[in-house]
Structure formats: structure tokens, C-alpha cells
Amino acid sequence: MILTASFANIANAKVISNEKIDKIKVETASKIITDLQKDMQSFTKNGSGPFVAAIYDNKGNLVVKVANSVVNEQCSNNHAEMNAIKAA
């Protein structure tokens, strides 16, 4: 199973290269990725995907979650990340 996820300012998580691992940030990211994996199944049942992307605001609230629509819309630009940006 392949998963693509896009995150924007997850719960104000300003990750700096080589910083100490923050357990809360890891737990937050793990929950988001798990949720995306679960949602991916429903998107693929409807003919989309199998890639899902999500954008969150700076407070960690979900703004948009969408799937890849390259095949459905016959457009190679409609990757999940691009669809998320357009929908946001």
C-alpha cells in the first residue's frame, strides 16, 4: 500500500533539522497518517486514489483531504497533493 501525505503546520510543529524527537509531534503525525490510510480505502472504493493528501491549518485542524484523480479525470496533473492545494 502506498500513501502520500501533505502537511502544513501540523499543530504548530515547526520541525527543525536534527532537533530532538518530540513524542507529541510523532504521535500527531502517526495519527494523521493512520487516518489517511483508513480514508484511502473509502476513496479507492469510489474509484479515486490510491493516494490521499491532507492540508491542516496552523492549529492542527483539517482544512481538506482529497485523493488522486489522475485516472478518473484523465489528467496527469491531478495528483492528491495538487488536488488538495486546489481544494484548499
Protein backbone atom coordinates (compact mmCIF):
# COMPACT_ATOMS: atom_id res chain seq x y z
CA MET A 1 0.00 0.00 0.00
CA ILE A 2 1.40 3.39 -0.98
CA LEU A 3 0.47 6.59 0.84
CA THR A 4 1.24 10.18 0.11
CA ALA A 5 0.53 12.81 2.73
CA SER A 6 0.96 16.56 2.68
CA PHE A 7 1.11 18.50 5.94
CA ALA A 8 1.10 22.24 6.52
CA ASN A 9 1.97 23.46 10.02
CA ILE A 10 0.61 20.44 11.89
CA ALA A 11 -0.28 21.75 15.33
CA ASN A 12 2.39 24.44 15.04
CA ALA A 13 5.00 21.71 14.60
CA LYS A 14 7.98 23.69 13.41
CA VAL A 15 10.35 20.82 12.76
CA ILE A 16 13.99 21.78 12.61
CA SER A 17 16.61 19.52 11.10
CA ASN A 18 18.41 17.46 13.73
CA GLU A 19 16.17 18.60 16.57
CA LYS A 20 15.38 16.19 19.39
CA ILE A 21 12.45 13.91 18.71
CA ASP A 22 9.24 15.33 20.16
CA LYS A 23 6.93 12.50 21.23
CA ILE A 24 3.80 14.63 20.79
CA LYS A 25 4.76 15.62 17.23
CA VAL A 26 5.45 11.98 16.35
CA GLU A 27 2.11 10.88 17.86
CA THR A 28 0.26 13.62 15.96
CA ALA A 29 1.90 12.71 12.66
CA SER A 30 1.26 9.00 13.26
CA LYS A 31 -2.43 9.64 13.91
CA ILE A 32 -2.76 11.72 10.75
CA ILE A 33 -1.05 9.10 8.61
CA THR A 34 -3.18 6.32 10.12
CA ASP A 35 -6.34 8.34 9.38
CA LEU A 36 -5.17 8.91 5.80
CA GLN A 37 -4.61 5.18 5.35
CA LYS A 38 -8.13 4.42 6.60
CA ASP A 39 -9.65 7.08 4.35
CA MET A 40 -7.67 5.82 1.37
CA GLN A 41 -9.76 2.63 1.39
CA SER A 42 -13.03 4.55 1.03
CA PHE A 43 -11.57 6.76 -1.71
CA THR A 44 -10.40 3.72 -3.71
CA LYS A 45 -13.82 2.06 -3.35
CA ASN A 46 -15.22 5.14 -5.11
CA GLY A 47 -12.65 4.87 -7.90
CA SER A 48 -10.17 7.51 -6.69
CA GLY A 49 -6.69 7.19 -5.32
CA PRO A 50 -4.84 5.20 -4.15
CA PHE A 51 -3.03 8.33 -2.99
CA VAL A 52 -4.51 10.71 -0.41
CA ALA A 53 -3.29 14.15 0.69
CA ALA A 54 -4.43 16.42 3.50
CA ILE A 55 -3.77 20.01 4.50
CA TYR A 56 -4.06 21.21 8.10
CA ASP A 57 -4.11 24.74 9.46
CA ASN A 58 -1.63 26.07 12.00
CA LYS A 59 -3.83 24.84 14.87
CA GLY A 60 -3.87 21.28 13.55
CA ASN A 61 -7.41 21.46 12.14
CA LEU A 62 -8.13 19.61 8.94
CA VAL A 63 -8.66 22.00 6.02
CA VAL A 64 -9.05 19.49 3.20
CA LYS A 65 -8.46 15.83 2.47
CA VAL A 66 -8.66 14.54 -1.10
CA ALA A 67 -7.48 11.67 -3.27
CA ASN A 68 -5.60 11.35 -6.51
CA SER A 69 -7.92 11.73 -9.54
CA VAL A 70 -5.45 11.22 -12.41
CA VAL A 71 -7.28 8.20 -13.85
CA ASN A 72 -10.85 9.39 -13.15
CA GLU A 73 -10.34 12.81 -14.72
CA GLN A 74 -7.71 11.70 -17.25
CA CYS A 75 -5.36 14.48 -16.21
CA SER A 76 -1.78 13.77 -15.16
CA ASN A 77 -1.75 16.93 -13.01
CA ASN A 78 -4.40 15.64 -10.61
CA HIS A 79 -2.15 14.08 -8.02
CA ALA A 80 -3.56 14.10 -4.49
CA GLU A 81 -1.23 16.91 -3.40
CA MET A 82 -2.26 19.12 -6.31
CA ASN A 83 -5.95 18.38 -5.70
CA ALA A 84 -5.53 19.30 -2.03
CA ILE A 85 -3.93 22.63 -2.91
CA LYS A 86 -6.70 23.39 -5.42
CA ALA A 87 -9.43 22.43 -2.94
CA ALA A 88 -7.91 24.43 -0.10
